[in-house]
Amino acid sequence: MVILPNVLSDRGSRYAVSGGAAHSAEDVAAFLKALKRNKKFAKATHNSWGLVLPDGTALKGDDGEAGAGMVIVRMLERAGVTGRVVVVTRWYGGKHLGGDRFRHVQSCVAAYLAHEGLEGGT
């Protein structure tokens, strides 16, 4: 499990990104459970995630951040990354971010892919 804890902040909201190997919905559940053992992540407002299985099936979860899971999936598909769940965590800061929240999700996923050297594929 890789965690990049302080990727960005905007108007009080803070973002982190994490990721690791996953090949099923059960793997994602185990990953989220492990992530939330850290109380900081358990108390987060949103833990949105996306995964593209090796057969091309996309799995996602918005965790209340409507549309965020699909943003993650699309970025993984574009990068050709399969078998790796990426979780974008947000702690809400009290002000609505509107469409900026999608740009922040994209920035977090890009930071994770760059950190793992995955921009060009698995």
Protein backbone atom coordinates (compact mmCIF):
# COMPACT_ATOMS: atom_id res chain seq x y z
CA MET A 1 0.00 0.00 0.00
CA VAL A 2 1.32 3.38 -1.03
CA ILE A 3 -0.09 6.52 0.61
CA LEU A 4 0.65 10.07 -0.51
CA PRO A 5 -0.85 11.90 2.49
CA ASN A 6 -0.92 15.61 1.55
CA VAL A 7 -1.34 15.95 -2.18
CA LEU A 8 -3.22 19.27 -2.16
CA SER A 9 -5.62 21.50 -0.29
CA ASP A 10 -8.22 24.00 -1.47
CA ARG A 11 -10.59 26.18 0.57
CA GLY A 12 -10.07 24.02 3.63
CA SER A 13 -10.55 20.66 1.91
CA ARG A 14 -7.51 18.38 2.01
CA TYR A 15 -6.72 15.52 -0.38
CA ALA A 16 -4.62 12.38 -0.21
CA VAL A 17 -4.20 9.45 -2.60
CA SER A 18 -3.33 5.82 -1.99
CA GLY A 19 -3.16 2.69 -4.06
CA GLY A 20 -2.13 -0.92 -4.29
CA ALA A 21 -2.66 -4.23 -6.02
CA ALA A 22 -6.27 -5.42 -6.38
CA HIS A 23 -7.87 -8.02 -8.63
CA SER A 24 -11.45 -8.16 -7.30
CA ALA A 25 -14.09 -6.29 -5.34
CA GLU A 26 -13.00 -8.30 -2.30
CA ASP A 27 -9.43 -6.99 -2.70
CA VAL A 28 -10.80 -3.44 -2.79
CA ALA A 29 -12.81 -4.05 0.39
CA ALA A 30 -9.70 -5.40 2.12
CA PHE A 31 -7.64 -2.43 0.89
CA LEU A 32 -10.21 0.09 2.18
CA LYS A 33 -10.42 -1.73 5.51
CA ALA A 34 -6.64 -1.60 5.88
CA LEU A 35 -6.58 2.08 4.88
CA LYS A 36 -9.28 2.95 7.41
CA ARG A 37 -7.33 1.31 10.24
CA ASN A 38 -5.59 4.67 10.18
CA LYS A 39 -8.10 6.84 12.07
CA LYS A 40 -7.27 9.82 9.89
CA PHE A 41 -8.61 7.97 6.84
CA ALA A 42 -11.51 6.43 8.75
CA LYS A 43 -12.68 9.96 9.62
CA ALA A 44 -12.33 11.28 6.06
CA THR A 45 -15.41 12.70 4.37
CA HIS A 46 -14.85 10.65 1.19
CA ASN A 47 -12.69 7.68 0.17
CA SER A 48 -13.52 7.48 -3.56
CA TRP A 49 -11.87 4.69 -5.53
CA GLY A 50 -11.46 3.15 -8.95
CA LEU A 51 -10.02 -0.08 -10.34
CA VAL A 52 -9.70 -1.57 -13.81
CA LEU A 53 -9.47 -5.36 -13.72
CA PRO A 54 -7.06 -7.12 -16.10
CA ASP A 55 -10.05 -8.17 -18.26
CA GLY A 56 -11.01 -4.49 -18.68
CA THR A 57 -13.94 -4.49 -16.23
CA ALA A 58 -14.13 -1.21 -14.32
CA LEU A 59 -15.10 -1.08 -10.65
CA LYS A 60 -15.61 2.16 -8.75
CA GLY A 61 -16.98 3.68 -5.58
CA ASP A 62 -17.82 7.36 -5.05
CA ASP A 63 -18.29 7.24 -1.26
CA GLY A 64 -20.57 10.27 -1.48
CA GLU A 65 -18.35 12.23 -3.90
CA ALA A 66 -20.62 11.77 -6.94
CA GLY A 67 -18.67 11.04 -10.11
CA ALA A 68 -15.25 10.78 -8.49
CA GLY A 69 -14.93 7.02 -8.99
CA MET A 70 -15.49 7.37 -12.72
CA VAL A 71 -12.83 10.09 -12.95
CA ILE A 72 -10.36 7.68 -11.34
CA VAL A 73 -11.38 4.79 -13.64
CA ARG A 74 -11.02 6.93 -16.77
CA MET A 75 -7.53 8.01 -15.77
CA LEU A 76 -6.49 4.41 -15.06
CA GLU A 77 -7.91 3.33 -18.43
CA ARG A 78 -6.04 6.11 -20.26
CA ALA A 79 -2.79 5.16 -18.53
CA GLY A 80 -3.35 1.46 -19.27
CA VAL A 81 -3.15 0.58 -15.58
CA THR A 82 -4.96 -2.58 -14.48
CA GLY A 83 -4.97 -4.59 -11.28
CA ARG A 84 -4.37 -1.56 -9.08
CA VAL A 85 -6.93 0.22 -6.93
CA VAL A 86 -6.48 3.97 -6.48
CA VAL A 87 -8.26 5.73 -3.60
CA VAL A 88 -8.63 9.52 -3.45
CA THR A 89 -9.40 10.69 0.07
CA ARG A 90 -10.97 14.05 0.84
CA TRP A 91 -11.48 15.77 4.16
CA TYR A 92 -14.20 18.39 3.55
CA GLY A 93 -13.17 21.86 4.57
CA GLY A 94 -16.57 23.55 4.84
CA LYS A 95 -16.76 25.18 1.40
CA HIS A 96 -18.19 23.61 -1.74
CA LEU A 97 -15.61 23.26 -4.50
CA GLY A 98 -17.97 22.69 -7.42
CA GLY A 99 -16.22 21.36 -10.52
CA ASP A 100 -12.81 22.00 -8.97
CA ARG A 101 -13.24 18.79 -6.97
CA PHE A 102 -12.92 16.75 -10.19
CA ARG A 103 -9.71 18.56 -11.11
CA HIS A 104 -8.40 17.77 -7.63
CA VAL A 105 -9.29 14.08 -8.02
CA GLN A 106 -7.41 14.11 -11.35
CA SER A 107 -4.40 15.79 -9.71
CA CYS A 108 -4.35 13.16 -6.97
CA VAL A 109 -4.52 10.24 -9.41
CA ALA A 110 -1.80 11.85 -11.58
CA ALA A 111 0.40 12.24 -8.49
CA TYR A 112 -0.07 8.56 -7.63
CA LEU A 113 0.64 7.38 -11.17
CA ALA A 114 3.76 9.55 -11.37
CA HIS A 115 4.96 8.35 -7.95
CA GLU A 116 4.56 4.72 -9.04
CA GLY A 117 5.99 5.30 -12.55
CA LEU A 118 2.72 4.13 -14.11
CA GLU A 119 1.87 6.92 -16.52
CA GLY A 120 2.45 4.60 -19.46
CA GLY A 121 0.87 1.41 -18.15
CA THR A 122 0.96 -1.33 -15.53
